[in-house]
PDB file of N, CA and C in Angstrom:
ATOM      1  N   MET A   1     -33.439  39.361  39.224  1.00  0.00           N
ATOM      2  CA  MET A   1     -34.880  39.500  39.077  1.00  0.00           C
ATOM      3  C   MET A   1     -35.299  38.847  37.766  1.00  0.00           C
ATOM      4  N   THR A   2     -36.357  38.102  37.823  1.00  0.00           N
ATOM      5  CA  THR A   2     -36.932  37.521  36.618  1.00  0.00           C
ATOM      6  C   THR A   2     -37.547  38.625  35.777  1.00  0.00           C
ATOM      7  N   THR A   3     -37.366  38.573  34.481  1.00  0.00           N
ATOM      8  CA  THR A   3     -37.937  39.592  33.597  1.00  0.00           C
ATOM      9  C   THR A   3     -39.432  39.344  33.424  1.00  0.00           C
ATOM     10  N   PRO A   4     -40.255  40.354  33.773  1.00  0.00           N
ATOM     11  CA  PRO A   4     -41.700  40.185  33.595  1.00  0.00           C
ATOM     12  C   PRO A   4     -42.063  40.066  32.127  1.00  0.00           C
ATOM     13  N   THR A   5     -43.068  39.275  31.847  1.00  0.00           N
ATOM     14  CA  THR A   5     -43.505  39.110  30.463  1.00  0.00           C
ATOM     15  C   THR A   5     -44.845  39.790  30.210  1.00  0.00           C
ATOM     16  N   ARG A   6     -45.602  40.067  31.264  1.00  0.00           N
ATOM     17  CA  ARG A   6     -46.913  40.680  31.081  1.00  0.00           C
ATOM     18  C   ARG A   6     -47.044  41.913  31.967  1.00  0.00           C
ATOM     19  N   TRP A   7     -47.080  43.074  31.342  1.00  0.00           N
ATOM     20  CA  TRP A   7     -47.222  44.341  32.047  1.00  0.00           C
ATOM     21  C   TRP A   7     -48.657  44.822  31.952  1.00  0.00           C
ATOM     22  N   ARG A   8     -49.148  45.455  33.023  1.00  0.00           N
ATOM     23  CA  ARG A   8     -50.500  46.042  33.040  1.00  0.00           C
ATOM     24  C   ARG A   8     -50.377  47.530  33.321  1.00  0.00           C
ATOM     25  N   LYS A   9     -51.136  48.322  32.548  1.00  0.00           N
ATOM     26  CA  LYS A   9     -51.160  49.763  32.784  1.00  0.00           C
ATOM     27  C   LYS A   9     -52.219  50.101  33.817  1.00  0.00           C
ATOM     28  N   SER A  10     -52.011  51.202  34.470  1.00  0.00           N
ATOM     29  CA  SER A  10     -52.972  51.698  35.437  1.00  0.00           C
ATOM     30  C   SER A  10     -54.302  51.990  34.765  1.00  0.00           C
ATOM     31  N   SER A  11     -55.387  51.765  35.487  1.00  0.00           N
ATOM     32  CA  SER A  11     -56.707  52.109  34.951  1.00  0.00           C
ATOM     33  C   SER A  11     -56.915  53.615  34.949  1.00  0.00           C
ATOM     34  N   HIS A  12     -56.010  54.353  35.549  1.00  0.00           N
ATOM     35  CA  HIS A  12     -56.079  55.817  35.592  1.00  0.00           C
ATOM     36  C   HIS A  12     -55.021  56.433  34.673  1.00  0.00           C
ATOM     37  N   SER A  13     -54.802  55.830  33.521  1.00  0.00           N
ATOM     38  CA  SER A  13     -53.745  56.263  32.614  1.00  0.00           C
ATOM     39  C   SER A  13     -54.024  57.595  31.947  1.00  0.00           C
ATOM     40  N   GLY A  14     -55.238  58.037  31.938  1.00  0.00           N
ATOM     41  CA  GLY A  14     -55.565  59.301  31.296  1.00  0.00           C
ATOM     42  C   GLY A  14     -55.931  59.090  29.840  1.00  0.00           C
ATOM     43  N   GLY A  15     -56.097  60.192  29.143  1.00  0.00           N
ATOM     44  CA  GLY A  15     -56.524  60.137  27.748  1.00  0.00           C
ATOM     45  C   GLY A  15     -55.385  59.872  26.787  1.00  0.00           C
ATOM     46  N   GLY A  16     -55.639  60.107  25.548  1.00  0.00           N
ATOM     47  CA  GLY A  16     -54.618  59.905  24.517  1.00  0.00           C
ATOM     48  C   GLY A  16     -54.249  58.450  24.385  1.00  0.00           C
ATOM     49  N   GLU A  17     -52.976  58.219  24.194  1.00  0.00           N
ATOM     50  CA  GLU A  17     -52.493  56.849  24.027  1.00  0.00           C
ATOM     51  C   GLU A  17     -52.274  56.139  25.355  1.00  0.00           C
ATOM     52  N   GLY A  18     -52.488  56.859  26.459  1.00  0.00           N
ATOM     53  CA  GLY A  18     -52.310  56.241  27.771  1.00  0.00           C
ATOM     54  C   GLY A  18     -50.868  55.961  28.117  1.00  0.00           C
ATOM     55  N   ASN A  19     -49.957  56.789  27.607  1.00  0.00           N
ATOM     56  CA  ASN A  19     -48.536  56.549  27.838  1.00  0.00           C
ATOM     57  C   ASN A  19     -47.991  57.242  29.068  1.00  0.00           C
ATOM     58  N   ASP A  20     -48.800  58.045  29.739  1.00  0.00           N
ATOM     59  CA  ASP A  20     -48.326  58.777  30.909  1.00  0.00           C
ATOM     60  C   ASP A  20     -48.743  58.072  32.180  1.00  0.00           C
ATOM     61  N   CYS A  21     -48.199  56.907  32.387  1.00  0.00           N
ATOM     62  CA  CYS A  21     -48.594  56.146  33.573  1.00  0.00           C
ATOM     63  C   CYS A  21     -47.482  55.183  33.963  1.00  0.00           C
ATOM     64  N   VAL A  22     -47.765  54.448  35.006  1.00  0.00           N
ATOM     65  CA  VAL A  22     -46.870  53.366  35.403  1.00  0.00           C
ATOM     66  C   VAL A  22     -47.507  52.051  34.997  1.00  0.00           C
ATOM     67  N   GLU A  23     -46.677  51.057  34.868  1.00  0.00           N
ATOM     68  CA  GLU A  23     -47.135  49.701  34.571  1.00  0.00           C
ATOM     69  C   GLU A  23     -46.596  48.791  35.661  1.00  0.00           C
ATOM     70  N   ILE A  24     -47.345  47.743  35.944  1.00  0.00           N
ATOM     71  CA  ILE A  24     -46.880  46.763  36.924  1.00  0.00           C
ATOM     72  C   ILE A  24     -46.909  45.371  36.314  1.00  0.00           C
ATOM     73  N   ALA A  25     -46.087  44.521  36.864  1.00  0.00           N
ATOM     74  CA  ALA A  25     -46.061  43.112  36.469  1.00  0.00           C
ATOM     75  C   ALA A  25     -45.851  42.287  37.733  1.00  0.00           C
ATOM     76  N   GLU A  26     -46.584  41.205  37.839  1.00  0.00           N
ATOM     77  CA  GLU A  26     -46.456  40.330  39.000  1.00  0.00           C
ATOM     78  C   GLU A  26     -45.347  39.309  38.750  1.00  0.00           C
ATOM     79  N   LEU A  27     -44.455  39.211  39.714  1.00  0.00           N
ATOM     80  CA  LEU A  27     -43.413  38.187  39.703  1.00  0.00           C
ATOM     81  C   LEU A  27     -43.787  37.179  40.785  1.00  0.00           C
ATOM     82  N   ASP A  28     -42.930  36.226  41.062  1.00  0.00           N
ATOM     83  CA  ASP A  28     -43.263  35.205  42.056  1.00  0.00           C
ATOM     84  C   ASP A  28     -43.651  35.815  43.409  1.00  0.00           C
ATOM     85  N   THR A  29     -42.776  36.605  43.988  1.00  0.00           N
ATOM     86  CA  THR A  29     -43.028  37.180  45.312  1.00  0.00           C
ATOM     87  C   THR A  29     -42.885  38.697  45.321  1.00  0.00           C
ATOM     88  N   ARG A  30     -42.736  39.286  44.135  1.00  0.00           N
ATOM     89  CA  ARG A  30     -42.491  40.722  44.034  1.00  0.00           C
ATOM     90  C   ARG A  30     -43.388  41.336  42.971  1.00  0.00           C
ATOM     91  N   ILE A  31     -43.462  42.664  42.991  1.00  0.00           N
ATOM     92  CA  ILE A  31     -44.173  43.422  41.969  1.00  0.00           C
ATOM     93  C   ILE A  31     -43.142  44.306  41.283  1.00  0.00           C
ATOM     94  N   ALA A  32     -43.081  44.231  39.974  1.00  0.00           N
ATOM     95  CA  ALA A  32     -42.186  45.085  39.194  1.00  0.00           C
ATOM     96  C   ALA A  32     -42.987  46.299  38.727  1.00  0.00           C
ATOM     97  N   ILE A  33     -42.357  47.467  38.767  1.00  0.00           N
ATOM     98  CA  ILE A  33     -43.005  48.724  38.407  1.00  0.00           C
ATOM     99  C   ILE A  33     -42.096  49.444  37.416  1.00  0.00           C
ATOM    100  N   ARG A  34     -42.701  49.961  36.317  1.00  0.00           N
ATOM    101  CA  ARG A  34     -41.896  50.711  35.351  1.00  0.00           C
ATOM    102  C   ARG A  34     -42.695  51.892  34.808  1.00  0.00           C
ATOM    103  N   ASP A  35     -41.975  52.822  34.225  1.00  0.00           N
ATOM    104  CA  ASP A  35     -42.556  53.995  33.583  1.00  0.00           C
ATOM    105  C   ASP A  35     -42.914  53.598  32.154  1.00  0.00           C
ATOM    106  N   SER A  36     -44.166  53.761  31.775  1.00  0.00           N
ATOM    107  CA  SER A  36     -44.590  53.327  30.440  1.00  0.00           C
ATOM    108  C   SER A  36     -43.939  54.128  29.324  1.00  0.00           C
ATOM    109  N   LYS A  37     -43.424  55.316  29.641  1.00  0.00           N
ATOM    110  CA  LYS A  37     -42.740  56.116  28.618  1.00  0.00           C
ATOM    111  C   LYS A  37     -41.324  55.599  28.349  1.00  0.00           C
ATOM    112  N   HIS A  38     -40.785  54.829  29.286  1.00  0.00           N
ATOM    113  CA  HIS A  38     -39.419  54.309  29.168  1.00  0.00           C
ATOM    114  C   HIS A  38     -39.387  52.827  29.532  1.00  0.00           C
ATOM    115  N   PRO A  39     -40.076  51.988  28.767  1.00  0.00           N
ATOM    116  CA  PRO A  39     -40.187  50.573  29.133  1.00  0.00           C
ATOM    117  C   PRO A  39     -38.878  49.793  29.097  1.00  0.00           C
ATOM    118  N   SER A  40     -37.866  50.305  28.424  1.00  0.00           N
ATOM    119  CA  SER A  40     -36.608  49.563  28.351  1.00  0.00           C
ATOM    120  C   SER A  40     -35.709  49.796  29.566  1.00  0.00           C
ATOM    121  N   ARG A  41     -36.050  50.775  30.380  1.00  0.00           N
ATOM    122  CA  ARG A  41     -35.261  51.018  31.593  1.00  0.00           C
ATOM    123  C   ARG A  41     -35.537  49.931  32.623  1.00  0.00           C
ATOM    124  N   THR A  42     -34.597  49.741  33.520  1.00  0.00           N
ATOM    125  CA  THR A  42     -34.730  48.724  34.554  1.00  0.00           C
ATOM    126  C   THR A  42     -35.905  49.060  35.465  1.00  0.00           C
ATOM    127  N   PRO A  43     -36.816  48.126  35.687  1.00  0.00           N
ATOM    128  CA  PRO A  43     -37.965  48.397  36.555  1.00  0.00           C
ATOM    129  C   PRO A  43     -37.585  48.357  38.031  1.00  0.00           C
ATOM    130  N   LEU A  44     -38.401  48.998  38.836  1.00  0.00           N
ATOM    131  CA  LEU A  44     -38.297  48.918  40.284  1.00  0.00           C
ATOM    132  C   LEU A  44     -39.026  47.648  40.703  1.00  0.00           C
ATOM    133  N   SER A  45     -38.495  46.948  41.689  1.00  0.00           N
ATOM    134  CA  SER A  45     -39.122  45.714  42.160  1.00  0.00           C
ATOM    135  C   SER A  45     -39.273  45.793  43.673  1.00  0.00           C
ATOM    136  N   VAL A  46     -40.479  45.527  44.170  1.00  0.00           N
ATOM    137  CA  VAL A  46     -40.740  45.570  45.607  1.00  0.00           C
ATOM    138  C   VAL A  46     -41.455  44.287  46.028  1.00  0.00           C
ATOM    139  N   PRO A  47     -41.336  43.906  47.302  1.00  0.00           N
ATOM    140  CA  PRO A  47     -42.070  42.734  47.775  1.00  0.00           C
ATOM    141  C   PRO A  47     -43.574  42.947  47.593  1.00  0.00           C
ATOM    142  N   ALA A  48     -44.273  41.908  47.183  1.00  0.00           N
ATOM    143  CA  ALA A  48     -45.714  42.018  46.925  1.00  0.00           C
ATOM    144  C   ALA A  48     -46.489  42.554  48.131  1.00  0.00           C
ATOM    145  N   PRO A  49     -46.223  42.101  49.363  1.00  0.00           N
ATOM    146  CA  PRO A  49     -46.979  42.646  50.500  1.00  0.00           C
ATOM    147  C   PRO A  49     -46.759  44.154  50.695  1.00  0.00           C
ATOM    148  N   ALA A  50     -45.556  44.636  50.432  1.00  0.00           N
ATOM    149  CA  ALA A  50     -45.283  46.068  50.567  1.00  0.00           C
ATOM    150  C   ALA A  50     -46.044  46.858  49.511  1.00  0.00           C
ATOM    151  N   PHE A  51     -46.112  46.336  48.298  1.00  0.00           N
ATOM    152  CA  PHE A  51     -46.854  47.016  47.237  1.00  0.00           C
ATOM    153  C   PHE A  51     -48.346  47.056  47.576  1.00  0.00           C
ATOM    154  N   THR A  52     -48.874  45.945  48.081  1.00  0.00           N
ATOM    155  CA  THR A  52     -50.286  45.889  48.462  1.00  0.00           C
ATOM    156  C   THR A  52     -50.578  46.911  49.564  1.00  0.00           C
ATOM    157  N   ALA A  53     -49.719  46.995  50.564  1.00  0.00           N
ATOM    158  CA  ALA A  53     -49.907  47.964  51.652  1.00  0.00           C
ATOM    159  C   ALA A  53     -49.863  49.390  51.118  1.00  0.00           C
ATOM    160  N   PHE A  54     -48.961  49.663  50.190  1.00  0.00           N
ATOM    161  CA  PHE A  54     -48.849  50.989  49.574  1.00  0.00           C
ATOM    162  C   PHE A  54     -50.138  51.359  48.844  1.00  0.00           C
ATOM    163  N   VAL A  55     -50.660  50.457  48.031  1.00  0.00           N
ATOM    164  CA  VAL A  55     -51.890  50.724  47.270  1.00  0.00           C
ATOM    165  C   VAL A  55     -53.072  50.915  48.220  1.00  0.00           C
ATOM    166  N   GLU A  56     -53.162  50.097  49.245  1.00  0.00           N
ATOM    167  CA  GLU A  56     -54.255  50.238  50.217  1.00  0.00           C
ATOM    168  C   GLU A  56     -54.185  51.580  50.938  1.00  0.00           C
ATOM    169  N   ALA A  57     -52.978  52.027  51.289  1.00  0.00           N
ATOM    170  CA  ALA A  57     -52.818  53.332  51.941  1.00  0.00           C
ATOM    171  C   ALA A  57     -53.258  54.458  51.005  1.00  0.00           C
ATOM    172  N   LEU A  58     -52.956  54.343  49.724  1.00  0.00           N
ATOM    173  CA  LEU A  58     -53.404  55.352  48.763  1.00  0.00           C
ATOM    174  C   LEU A  58     -54.924  55.382  48.661  1.00  0.00           C
ATOM    175  N   LYS A  59     -55.540  54.214  48.663  1.00  0.00           N
ATOM    176  CA  LYS A  59     -56.999  54.143  48.594  1.00  0.00           C
ATOM    177  C   LYS A  59     -57.638  54.792  49.825  1.00  0.00           C
ATOM    178  N   GLU A  60     -57.067  54.550  50.999  1.00  0.00           N
ATOM    179  CA  GLU A  60     -57.589  55.142  52.225  1.00  0.00           C
ATOM    180  C   GLU A  60     -57.433  56.657  52.225  1.00  0.00           C
ATOM    181  N   ARG A  61     -56.364  57.123  51.639  1.00  0.00           N
ATOM    182  CA  ARG A  61     -56.057  58.553  51.607  1.00  0.00           C
ATOM    183  C   ARG A  61     -56.912  59.315  50.610  1.00  0.00           C
ATOM    184  N   ARG A  62     -57.404  58.632  49.592  1.00  0.00           N
ATOM    185  CA  ARG A  62     -58.194  59.281  48.535  1.00  0.00           C
ATOM    186  C   ARG A  62     -59.351  60.056  49.157  1.00  0.00           C
ATOM    187  N   GLY A  63     -59.489  61.284  48.727  1.00  0.00           N
ATOM    188  CA  GLY A  63     -60.591  62.096  49.200  1.00  0.00           C
ATOM    189  C   GLY A  63     -60.291  62.891  50.451  1.00  0.00           C
ATOM    190  N   ARG A  64     -59.178  62.610  51.113  1.00  0.00           N
ATOM    191  CA  ARG A  64     -58.813  63.365  52.309  1.00  0.00           C
ATOM    192  C   ARG A  64     -57.936  64.544  51.921  1.00  0.00           C
ATOM    193  N   PRO A  65     -58.065  65.663  52.607  1.00  0.00           N
ATOM    194  CA  PRO A  65     -57.190  66.803  52.303  1.00  0.00           C
ATOM    195  C   PRO A  65     -55.737  66.468  52.605  1.00  0.00           C
ATOM    196  N   ALA A  66     -54.837  67.044  51.842  1.00  0.00           N
ATOM    197  CA  ALA A  66     -53.398  66.793  52.044  1.00  0.00           C
ATOM    198  C   ALA A  66     -52.894  67.488  53.277  1.00  0.00           C
TER     199      ALA A  66
END
């Protein structure tokens, strides 16, 4: 896996220093995901279409009872 150089934090990081969130980085055909509290750990990497489908499913689910 290529090492990402630019990480983005979630817009829902919360208050404070915003360290309680995940970060993502775009690679050629994959999305790398890491815990912002432990940035030196190996990130999870998933195919970009799978990540997009996951995020879209979360958006659709928002507001619905569990």
